[in-house]
């Protein structure tokens, strides 16, 4: 039998990445400034965590211009959604004591 702890994904250990994915799970997309405000982090800190999620192919980046201003939006990929759900399910099982 596979251990529940094997489904806990190290990528989601950090609260900022957990917050990013949580926001993306309930929205089709979220823009950079909204994520920054929601999570209360700096530009550099958020960018670093977004890069980590992008490297794993858990998020997709949508870049566009609104007028002359750049606007970057993020969405969860199918892989990101699957892995995040597995992670949350494993945490729920641990909390419920179902090892």
N, C-alpha and C. Protein backbone atom coordinates (compact mmCIF):
# COMPACT_ATOMS: atom_id res chain seq x y z
N UNK A 1 0.84 -1.18 0.00
CA UNK A 1 0.00 0.00 0.00
C UNK A 1 0.88 1.25 0.00
N UNK A 2 0.53 2.21 -0.84
CA UNK A 2 1.29 3.45 -0.96
C UNK A 2 1.01 4.35 0.25
N UNK A 3 2.05 4.89 0.81
CA UNK A 3 1.91 5.78 1.96
C UNK A 3 1.31 7.12 1.53
N UNK A 4 0.40 7.64 2.34
CA UNK A 4 -0.24 8.93 2.05
C UNK A 4 0.81 10.04 1.96
N UNK A 5 1.82 9.94 2.77
CA UNK A 5 2.83 11.00 2.81
C UNK A 5 3.57 11.14 1.47
N UNK A 6 3.57 10.10 0.67
CA UNK A 6 4.20 10.17 -0.65
C UNK A 6 3.47 11.15 -1.57
N UNK A 7 2.22 11.45 -1.29
CA UNK A 7 1.45 12.39 -2.11
C UNK A 7 1.60 13.83 -1.64
N UNK A 8 2.33 14.04 -0.56
CA UNK A 8 2.60 15.42 -0.13
C UNK A 8 3.74 15.94 -0.99
N UNK A 9 3.44 17.00 -1.72
CA UNK A 9 4.35 17.54 -2.71
C UNK A 9 5.20 18.65 -2.10
N UNK A 10 6.50 18.47 -2.11
CA UNK A 10 7.45 19.43 -1.52
C UNK A 10 7.30 20.82 -2.12
N UNK A 11 6.93 20.91 -3.37
CA UNK A 11 6.76 22.21 -4.03
C UNK A 11 5.73 23.06 -3.30
N UNK A 12 4.71 22.43 -2.74
CA UNK A 12 3.64 23.17 -2.08
C UNK A 12 3.90 23.38 -0.59
N UNK A 13 5.09 23.04 -0.10
CA UNK A 13 5.42 23.21 1.31
C UNK A 13 5.45 24.67 1.73
N UNK A 14 5.85 25.55 0.85
CA UNK A 14 5.95 26.96 1.21
C UNK A 14 4.58 27.64 1.15
N UNK A 15 4.30 28.47 2.12
CA UNK A 15 2.98 29.10 2.23
C UNK A 15 2.63 29.96 1.01
N UNK A 16 3.62 30.59 0.39
CA UNK A 16 3.32 31.43 -0.78
C UNK A 16 2.89 30.56 -1.96
N UNK A 17 3.61 29.47 -2.21
CA UNK A 17 3.22 28.58 -3.32
C UNK A 17 1.88 27.90 -3.03
N UNK A 18 1.64 27.57 -1.78
CA UNK A 18 0.35 27.01 -1.38
C UNK A 18 -0.76 28.04 -1.64
N UNK A 19 -0.50 29.29 -1.31
CA UNK A 19 -1.46 30.37 -1.54
C UNK A 19 -1.71 30.62 -3.01
N UNK A 20 -0.65 30.61 -3.80
CA UNK A 20 -0.80 30.81 -5.26
C UNK A 20 -1.70 29.74 -5.84
N UNK A 21 -1.38 28.49 -5.54
CA UNK A 21 -2.17 27.40 -6.10
C UNK A 21 -3.60 27.41 -5.59
N UNK A 22 -3.80 27.76 -4.33
CA UNK A 22 -5.15 27.84 -3.78
C UNK A 22 -5.97 28.87 -4.55
N UNK A 23 -5.38 30.02 -4.81
CA UNK A 23 -6.07 31.07 -5.56
C UNK A 23 -6.38 30.62 -6.98
N UNK A 24 -5.45 29.90 -7.60
CA UNK A 24 -5.65 29.45 -8.98
C UNK A 24 -6.67 28.31 -9.09
N UNK A 25 -6.87 27.61 -7.99
CA UNK A 25 -7.84 26.50 -8.02
C UNK A 25 -9.28 27.01 -8.05
N UNK A 26 -9.52 28.21 -7.56
CA UNK A 26 -10.88 28.74 -7.50
C UNK A 26 -11.13 29.88 -8.50
N UNK A 27 -10.13 30.18 -9.31
CA UNK A 27 -10.24 31.21 -10.35
C UNK A 27 -9.68 30.67 -11.65
N UNK A 28 -10.24 31.09 -12.77
CA UNK A 28 -9.70 30.68 -14.06
C UNK A 28 -8.28 31.22 -14.23
N UNK A 29 -8.05 32.44 -13.77
CA UNK A 29 -6.73 33.04 -13.79
C UNK A 29 -6.69 34.14 -12.74
N UNK A 30 -5.48 34.52 -12.33
CA UNK A 30 -5.28 35.61 -11.38
C UNK A 30 -4.08 36.41 -11.87
N UNK A 31 -4.19 37.74 -11.86
CA UNK A 31 -3.07 38.56 -12.32
C UNK A 31 -2.05 38.77 -11.20
N UNK A 32 -0.87 39.21 -11.60
CA UNK A 32 0.27 39.34 -10.69
C UNK A 32 -0.07 40.24 -9.50
N UNK A 33 -0.62 41.42 -9.77
CA UNK A 33 -0.90 42.36 -8.69
C UNK A 33 -1.95 41.83 -7.71
N UNK A 34 -2.93 41.11 -8.22
CA UNK A 34 -3.94 40.52 -7.33
C UNK A 34 -3.32 39.46 -6.43
N UNK A 35 -2.45 38.63 -6.98
CA UNK A 35 -1.75 37.63 -6.17
C UNK A 35 -0.88 38.30 -5.12
N UNK A 36 -0.17 39.34 -5.52
CA UNK A 36 0.71 40.06 -4.60
C UNK A 36 -0.09 40.64 -3.43
N UNK A 37 -1.21 41.26 -3.74
CA UNK A 37 -2.06 41.85 -2.70
C UNK A 37 -2.68 40.76 -1.81
N UNK A 38 -3.19 39.72 -2.43
CA UNK A 38 -3.82 38.62 -1.69
C UNK A 38 -2.85 37.97 -0.70
N UNK A 39 -1.64 37.74 -1.15
CA UNK A 39 -0.66 37.01 -0.34
C UNK A 39 0.21 37.90 0.54
N UNK A 40 0.18 39.21 0.28
CA UNK A 40 0.97 40.14 1.08
C UNK A 40 2.47 39.94 0.95
N UNK A 41 2.92 39.77 -0.29
CA UNK A 41 4.35 39.54 -0.55
C UNK A 41 4.89 40.61 -1.49
N UNK A 42 6.20 40.68 -1.59
CA UNK A 42 6.85 41.64 -2.48
C UNK A 42 6.85 41.11 -3.92
N UNK A 43 7.14 41.99 -4.86
CA UNK A 43 7.23 41.59 -6.27
C UNK A 43 8.24 40.46 -6.46
N UNK A 44 9.43 40.66 -5.90
CA UNK A 44 10.50 39.68 -6.07
C UNK A 44 10.18 38.34 -5.44
N UNK A 45 9.59 38.38 -4.25
CA UNK A 45 9.24 37.14 -3.58
C UNK A 45 8.19 36.38 -4.38
N UNK A 46 7.16 37.07 -4.83
CA UNK A 46 6.12 36.42 -5.63
C UNK A 46 6.70 35.87 -6.93
N UNK A 47 7.51 36.66 -7.61
CA UNK A 47 8.10 36.23 -8.87
C UNK A 47 8.92 34.96 -8.70
N UNK A 48 9.66 34.88 -7.60
CA UNK A 48 10.48 33.71 -7.32
C UNK A 48 9.62 32.45 -7.17
N UNK A 49 8.53 32.56 -6.43
CA UNK A 49 7.66 31.40 -6.22
C UNK A 49 6.89 31.03 -7.49
N UNK A 50 6.51 32.03 -8.26
CA UNK A 50 5.84 31.75 -9.54
C UNK A 50 6.80 31.01 -10.48
N UNK A 51 8.06 31.41 -10.46
CA UNK A 51 9.06 30.75 -11.31
C UNK A 51 9.22 29.28 -10.92
N UNK A 52 9.20 29.00 -9.62
CA UNK A 52 9.30 27.62 -9.14
C UNK A 52 8.12 26.78 -9.64
N UNK A 53 6.92 27.34 -9.57
CA UNK A 53 5.74 26.61 -10.04
C UNK A 53 5.75 26.45 -11.55
N UNK A 54 6.23 27.47 -12.26
CA UNK A 54 6.31 27.38 -13.72
C UNK A 54 7.33 26.31 -14.14
N UNK A 55 8.45 26.25 -13.44
CA UNK A 55 9.49 25.26 -13.74
C UNK A 55 8.94 23.83 -13.66
N UNK A 56 8.05 23.60 -12.70
CA UNK A 56 7.43 22.29 -12.53
C UNK A 56 6.25 22.06 -13.49
N UNK A 57 5.94 23.09 -14.27
CA UNK A 57 4.81 23.06 -15.21
C UNK A 57 3.46 22.96 -14.51
N UNK A 58 3.37 23.59 -13.33
CA UNK A 58 2.14 23.61 -12.55
C UNK A 58 1.29 24.83 -12.85
N UNK A 59 1.91 25.86 -13.42
CA UNK A 59 1.15 27.05 -13.80
C UNK A 59 1.48 27.45 -15.23
N UNK A 60 0.56 28.19 -15.82
CA UNK A 60 0.76 28.73 -17.17
C UNK A 60 0.72 30.24 -17.06
N UNK A 61 1.59 30.91 -17.79
CA UNK A 61 1.67 32.36 -17.76
C UNK A 61 1.06 32.93 -19.03
N UNK A 62 0.16 33.91 -18.86
CA UNK A 62 -0.48 34.60 -19.98
C UNK A 62 -0.03 36.05 -19.92
N UNK A 63 0.72 36.50 -20.92
CA UNK A 63 1.19 37.88 -20.94
C UNK A 63 0.46 38.63 -22.05
N UNK A 64 0.02 39.84 -21.71
CA UNK A 64 -0.66 40.68 -22.69
C UNK A 64 -0.43 42.14 -22.31
N UNK A 65 -0.81 43.02 -23.20
CA UNK A 65 -0.74 44.45 -22.92
C UNK A 65 -2.15 44.99 -22.86
N UNK A 66 -2.40 45.83 -21.86
CA UNK A 66 -3.65 46.56 -21.78
C UNK A 66 -3.25 48.01 -21.99
N UNK A 67 -3.56 48.49 -23.19
CA UNK A 67 -3.02 49.78 -23.58
C UNK A 67 -1.52 49.61 -23.75
N UNK A 68 -0.76 50.39 -23.02
CA UNK A 68 0.70 50.27 -23.08
C UNK A 68 1.28 49.58 -21.86
N UNK A 69 0.39 49.12 -20.97
CA UNK A 69 0.86 48.48 -19.74
C UNK A 69 0.83 46.96 -19.87
N UNK A 70 1.92 46.30 -19.45
CA UNK A 70 1.91 44.83 -19.46
C UNK A 70 1.00 44.29 -18.36
N UNK A 71 0.34 43.20 -18.66
CA UNK A 71 -0.52 42.53 -17.69
C UNK A 71 -0.20 41.04 -17.76
N UNK A 72 0.21 40.48 -16.64
CA UNK A 72 0.55 39.06 -16.59
C UNK A 72 -0.47 38.35 -15.73
N UNK A 73 -1.05 37.30 -16.30
CA UNK A 73 -2.03 36.48 -15.59
C UNK A 73 -1.50 35.06 -15.50
N UNK A 74 -1.95 34.37 -14.47
CA UNK A 74 -1.50 33.01 -14.22
C UNK A 74 -2.71 32.09 -14.09
N UNK A 75 -2.55 30.87 -14.55
CA UNK A 75 -3.58 29.86 -14.39
C UNK A 75 -2.90 28.53 -14.07
N UNK A 76 -3.67 27.63 -13.49
CA UNK A 76 -3.15 26.31 -13.16
C UNK A 76 -3.20 25.43 -14.41
N UNK A 77 -2.16 24.64 -14.61
CA UNK A 77 -2.18 23.67 -15.70
C UNK A 77 -2.94 22.42 -15.22
N UNK A 78 -3.23 21.52 -16.14
CA UNK A 78 -3.88 20.25 -15.74
C UNK A 78 -3.01 19.50 -14.75
N UNK A 79 -1.70 19.48 -15.02
CA UNK A 79 -0.76 18.81 -14.11
C UNK A 79 -0.76 19.50 -12.75
N UNK A 80 -0.73 20.83 -12.74
CA UNK A 80 -0.74 21.57 -11.49
C UNK A 80 -1.99 21.29 -10.68
N UNK A 81 -3.13 21.27 -11.35
CA UNK A 81 -4.39 20.98 -10.67
C UNK A 81 -4.39 19.58 -10.07
N UNK A 82 -3.94 18.61 -10.85
CA UNK A 82 -3.89 17.22 -10.39
C UNK A 82 -2.97 17.08 -9.18
N UNK A 83 -1.77 17.63 -9.28
CA UNK A 83 -0.79 17.50 -8.19
C UNK A 83 -1.25 18.24 -6.94
N UNK A 84 -1.87 19.40 -7.11
CA UNK A 84 -2.34 20.16 -5.95
C UNK A 84 -3.48 19.42 -5.25
N UNK A 85 -4.38 18.84 -6.02
CA UNK A 85 -5.48 18.07 -5.42
C UNK A 85 -4.95 16.86 -4.66
N UNK A 86 -3.95 16.18 -5.22
CA UNK A 86 -3.33 15.05 -4.53
C UNK A 86 -2.70 15.51 -3.22
N UNK A 87 -2.03 16.65 -3.26
CA UNK A 87 -1.38 17.20 -2.08
C UNK A 87 -2.41 17.52 -0.99
N UNK A 88 -3.46 18.23 -1.35
CA UNK A 88 -4.50 18.61 -0.39
C UNK A 88 -5.20 17.37 0.17
N UNK A 89 -5.47 16.40 -0.69
CA UNK A 89 -6.11 15.16 -0.23
C UNK A 89 -5.22 14.43 0.78
N UNK A 90 -3.92 14.38 0.51
CA UNK A 90 -3.00 13.72 1.45
C UNK A 90 -2.98 14.45 2.79
N UNK A 91 -2.98 15.79 2.76
CA UNK A 91 -3.01 16.55 4.01
C UNK A 91 -4.30 16.28 4.78
N UNK A 92 -5.42 16.23 4.06
CA UNK A 92 -6.71 15.95 4.71
C UNK A 92 -6.70 14.57 5.35
N UNK A 93 -6.11 13.59 4.67
CA UNK A 93 -6.05 12.24 5.21
C UNK A 93 -5.17 12.20 6.47
N UNK A 94 -4.09 12.95 6.47
CA UNK A 94 -3.24 13.02 7.66
C UNK A 94 -3.96 13.67 8.83
N UNK A 95 -4.68 14.74 8.54
CA UNK A 95 -5.43 15.44 9.59
C UNK A 95 -6.50 14.52 10.19
N UNK A 96 -7.13 13.73 9.34
CA UNK A 96 -8.18 12.82 9.80
C UNK A 96 -7.60 11.58 10.45
N UNK A 97 -6.29 11.43 10.40
CA UNK A 97 -5.65 10.29 11.03
C UNK A 97 -5.76 9.00 10.25
N UNK A 98 -5.92 9.10 8.95
CA UNK A 98 -6.07 7.90 8.11
C UNK A 98 -4.76 7.55 7.45
N UNK A 99 -3.84 7.14 8.23
CA UNK A 99 -2.55 6.73 7.69
C UNK A 99 -2.68 5.34 7.23
